[in-house]
Structures are given as C-alpha cells and as structure tokens.
Amino acid sequence: VKTLDYRRKLLMHAQRGTRTHTPLRATDFKSVVSTIPPPGHK
C-alpha cells in the first residue's frame, strides 16, 4: 500500500509540473517510477 501511495504522489507531482514544464511522456514516466524503490526498501 505504501508503494502505491508513493507512486501516486510522484504522479500528482508530475501532473502539476506539466503546466509549467515540458510534459513527460507517459511511457517515460512509468519507466522512471518503476526504477524507484519504495521508501525504506533496500
């Protein structure tokens, strides 16, 4: 559950960023998120 919440926050942040920055491609964003480990995971 924590992993989904963490990714949801990243997605929300990215969506806000598209208003002022160059939009990310959905596939690029998904590949970046999939490589980020959840907090506290080693």
PDB file of N, CA and C in Angstrom:
ATOM      1  N   VAL A   1       0.838  -1.202   0.000  1.00  0.00           N
ATOM      2  CA  VAL A   1       0.000   0.000   0.000  1.00  0.00           C
ATOM      3  C   VAL A   1       0.871   1.251   0.000  1.00  0.00           C
ATOM      4  N   LYS A   2       1.950   1.229   0.755  1.00  0.00           N
ATOM      5  CA  LYS A   2       2.833   2.400   0.800  1.00  0.00           C
ATOM      6  C   LYS A   2       3.439   2.680  -0.569  1.00  0.00           C
ATOM      7  N   THR A   3       3.758   1.625  -1.309  1.00  0.00           N
ATOM      8  CA  THR A   3       4.339   1.806  -2.635  1.00  0.00           C
ATOM      9  C   THR A   3       3.363   2.524  -3.556  1.00  0.00           C
ATOM     10  N   LEU A   4       2.100   2.134  -3.534  1.00  0.00           N
ATOM     11  CA  LEU A   4       1.099   2.783  -4.380  1.00  0.00           C
ATOM     12  C   LEU A   4       0.928   4.240  -3.988  1.00  0.00           C
ATOM     13  N   ASP A   5       0.927   4.527  -2.690  1.00  0.00           N
ATOM     14  CA  ASP A   5       0.775   5.900  -2.222  1.00  0.00           C
ATOM     15  C   ASP A   5       1.962   6.742  -2.670  1.00  0.00           C
ATOM     16  N   TYR A   6       3.150   6.178  -2.596  1.00  0.00           N
ATOM     17  CA  TYR A   6       4.375   6.875  -3.001  1.00  0.00           C
ATOM     18  C   TYR A   6       4.343   7.192  -4.492  1.00  0.00           C
ATOM     19  N   ARG A   7       3.946   6.211  -5.283  1.00  0.00           N
ATOM     20  CA  ARG A   7       3.870   6.427  -6.732  1.00  0.00           C
ATOM     21  C   ARG A   7       2.767   7.411  -7.086  1.00  0.00           C
ATOM     22  N   ARG A   8       1.668   7.388  -6.327  1.00  0.00           N
ATOM     23  CA  ARG A   8       0.569   8.324  -6.571  1.00  0.00           C
ATOM     24  C   ARG A   8       1.052   9.755  -6.341  1.00  0.00           C
ATOM     25  N   LYS A   9       1.848   9.963  -5.304  1.00  0.00           N
ATOM     26  CA  LYS A   9       2.383  11.299  -5.022  1.00  0.00           C
ATOM     27  C   LYS A   9       3.309  11.743  -6.144  1.00  0.00           C
ATOM     28  N   LEU A  10       4.131  10.829  -6.645  1.00  0.00           N
ATOM     29  CA  LEU A  10       5.009  11.174  -7.755  1.00  0.00           C
ATOM     30  C   LEU A  10       4.203  11.553  -8.989  1.00  0.00           C
ATOM     31  N   LEU A  11       3.149  10.796  -9.253  1.00  0.00           N
ATOM     32  CA  LEU A  11       2.308  11.064 -10.410  1.00  0.00           C
ATOM     33  C   LEU A  11       1.632  12.424 -10.277  1.00  0.00           C
ATOM     34  N   MET A  12       1.117  12.733  -9.095  1.00  0.00           N
ATOM     35  CA  MET A  12       0.464  14.021  -8.870  1.00  0.00           C
ATOM     36  C   MET A  12       1.461  15.157  -9.065  1.00  0.00           C
ATOM     37  N   HIS A  13       2.680  14.978  -8.577  1.00  0.00           N
ATOM     38  CA  HIS A  13       3.718  15.998  -8.719  1.00  0.00           C
ATOM     39  C   HIS A  13       4.046  16.209 -10.196  1.00  0.00           C
ATOM     40  N   ALA A  14       4.149  15.124 -10.939  1.00  0.00           N
ATOM     41  CA  ALA A  14       4.470  15.219 -12.363  1.00  0.00           C
ATOM     42  C   ALA A  14       3.353  15.911 -13.133  1.00  0.00           C
ATOM     43  N   GLN A  15       2.113  15.637 -12.772  1.00  0.00           N
ATOM     44  CA  GLN A  15       0.989  16.255 -13.465  1.00  0.00           C
ATOM     45  C   GLN A  15       0.969  17.763 -13.218  1.00  0.00           C
ATOM     46  N   ARG A  16       1.294  18.194 -12.014  1.00  0.00           N
ATOM     47  CA  ARG A  16       1.363  19.633 -11.735  1.00  0.00           C
ATOM     48  C   ARG A  16       2.499  20.265 -12.518  1.00  0.00           C
ATOM     49  N   GLY A  17       3.598  19.532 -12.646  1.00  0.00           N
ATOM     50  CA  GLY A  17       4.762  20.055 -13.341  1.00  0.00           C
ATOM     51  C   GLY A  17       4.528  20.265 -14.823  1.00  0.00           C
ATOM     52  N   THR A  18       3.604  19.525 -15.411  1.00  0.00           N
ATOM     53  CA  THR A  18       3.375  19.648 -16.849  1.00  0.00           C
ATOM     54  C   THR A  18       2.770  20.997 -17.211  1.00  0.00           C
ATOM     55  N   ARG A  19       2.245  21.701 -16.251  1.00  0.00           N
ATOM     56  CA  ARG A  19       1.639  23.003 -16.553  1.00  0.00           C
ATOM     57  C   ARG A  19       2.703  24.067 -16.803  1.00  0.00           C
ATOM     58  N   THR A  20       3.864  23.915 -16.177  1.00  0.00           N
ATOM     59  CA  THR A  20       4.895  24.934 -16.311  1.00  0.00           C
ATOM     60  C   THR A  20       6.152  24.410 -16.983  1.00  0.00           C
ATOM     61  N   HIS A  21       6.295  23.093 -17.082  1.00  0.00           N
ATOM     62  CA  HIS A  21       7.485  22.493 -17.670  1.00  0.00           C
ATOM     63  C   HIS A  21       7.095  21.640 -18.871  1.00  0.00           C
ATOM     64  N   THR A  22       8.096  21.157 -19.554  1.00  0.00           N
ATOM     65  CA  THR A  22       7.838  20.280 -20.693  1.00  0.00           C
ATOM     66  C   THR A  22       7.160  19.003 -20.205  1.00  0.00           C
ATOM     67  N   PRO A  23       6.038  18.645 -20.772  1.00  0.00           N
ATOM     68  CA  PRO A  23       5.316  17.434 -20.332  1.00  0.00           C
ATOM     69  C   PRO A  23       6.164  16.177 -20.501  1.00  0.00           C
ATOM     70  N   LEU A  24       6.033  15.280 -19.551  1.00  0.00           N
ATOM     71  CA  LEU A  24       6.714  13.995 -19.647  1.00  0.00           C
ATOM     72  C   LEU A  24       5.858  13.039 -20.463  1.00  0.00           C
ATOM     73  N   ARG A  25       6.500  12.205 -21.220  1.00  0.00           N
ATOM     74  CA  ARG A  25       5.748  11.169 -21.929  1.00  0.00           C
ATOM     75  C   ARG A  25       5.324  10.131 -20.904  1.00  0.00           C
ATOM     76  N   ALA A  26       4.134   9.604 -21.042  1.00  0.00           N
ATOM     77  CA  ALA A  26       3.607   8.640 -20.076  1.00  0.00           C
ATOM     78  C   ALA A  26       4.527   7.430 -19.954  1.00  0.00           C
ATOM     79  N   THR A  27       5.050   6.955 -21.060  1.00  0.00           N
ATOM     80  CA  THR A  27       5.919   5.775 -21.009  1.00  0.00           C
ATOM     81  C   THR A  27       7.215   6.091 -20.288  1.00  0.00           C
ATOM     82  N   ASP A  28       7.768   7.271 -20.501  1.00  0.00           N
ATOM     83  CA  ASP A  28       8.995   7.663 -19.820  1.00  0.00           C
ATOM     84  C   ASP A  28       8.759   7.750 -18.323  1.00  0.00           C
ATOM     85  N   PHE A  29       7.642   8.342 -17.929  1.00  0.00           N
ATOM     86  CA  PHE A  29       7.347   8.486 -16.510  1.00  0.00           C
ATOM     87  C   PHE A  29       7.186   7.119 -15.853  1.00  0.00           C
ATOM     88  N   LYS A  30       6.473   6.222 -16.511  1.00  0.00           N
ATOM     89  CA  LYS A  30       6.267   4.882 -15.948  1.00  0.00           C
ATOM     90  C   LYS A  30       7.592   4.156 -15.774  1.00  0.00           C
ATOM     91  N   SER A  31       8.504   4.301 -16.721  1.00  0.00           N
ATOM     92  CA  SER A  31       9.787   3.613 -16.609  1.00  0.00           C
ATOM     93  C   SER A  31      10.604   4.189 -15.458  1.00  0.00           C
ATOM     94  N   VAL A  32      10.515   5.496 -15.235  1.00  0.00           N
ATOM     95  CA  VAL A  32      11.233   6.130 -14.130  1.00  0.00           C
ATOM     96  C   VAL A  32      10.662   5.670 -12.799  1.00  0.00           C
ATOM     97  N   VAL A  33       9.348   5.656 -12.675  1.00  0.00           N
ATOM     98  CA  VAL A  33       8.706   5.246 -11.428  1.00  0.00           C
ATOM     99  C   VAL A  33       9.026   3.795 -11.109  1.00  0.00           C
ATOM    100  N   SER A  34       9.069   2.950 -12.111  1.00  0.00           N
ATOM    101  CA  SER A  34       9.312   1.527 -11.866  1.00  0.00           C
ATOM    102  C   SER A  34      10.720   1.271 -11.347  1.00  0.00           C
ATOM    103  N   THR A  35      11.651   2.202 -11.582  1.00  0.00           N
ATOM    104  CA  THR A  35      13.024   2.012 -11.121  1.00  0.00           C
ATOM    105  C   THR A  35      13.264   2.610  -9.743  1.00  0.00           C
ATOM    106  N   ILE A  36      12.314   3.372  -9.222  1.00  0.00           N
ATOM    107  CA  ILE A  36      12.465   3.984  -7.906  1.00  0.00           C
ATOM    108  C   ILE A  36      11.929   3.040  -6.835  1.00  0.00           C
ATOM    109  N   PRO A  37      12.787   2.607  -5.909  1.00  0.00           N
ATOM    110  CA  PRO A  37      12.308   1.722  -4.844  1.00  0.00           C
ATOM    111  C   PRO A  37      11.436   2.480  -3.859  1.00  0.00           C
ATOM    112  N   PRO A  38      10.496   1.809  -3.231  1.00  0.00           N
ATOM    113  CA  PRO A  38       9.661   2.472  -2.237  1.00  0.00           C
ATOM    114  C   PRO A  38      10.494   2.906  -1.035  1.00  0.00           C
ATOM    115  N   PRO A  39      10.078   3.934  -0.311  1.00  0.00           N
ATOM    116  CA  PRO A  39      10.828   4.408   0.857  1.00  0.00           C
ATOM    117  C   PRO A  39      11.023   3.294   1.881  1.00  0.00           C
ATOM    118  N   GLY A  40      12.238   3.216   2.424  1.00  0.00           N
ATOM    119  CA  GLY A  40      12.512   2.221   3.447  1.00  0.00           C
ATOM    120  C   GLY A  40      12.842   0.853   2.892  1.00  0.00           C
ATOM    121  N   HIS A  41      12.858   0.712   1.572  1.00  0.00           N
ATOM    122  CA  HIS A  41      13.154  -0.584   0.951  1.00  0.00           C
ATOM    123  C   HIS A  41      14.607  -0.589   0.502  1.00  0.00           C
ATOM    124  N   LYS A  42      15.336  -1.654   0.859  1.00  0.00           N
ATOM    125  CA  LYS A  42      16.743  -1.737   0.447  1.00  0.00           C
ATOM    126  C   LYS A  42      16.981  -3.014  -0.323  1.00  0.00           C
TER     127      LYS A  42
END
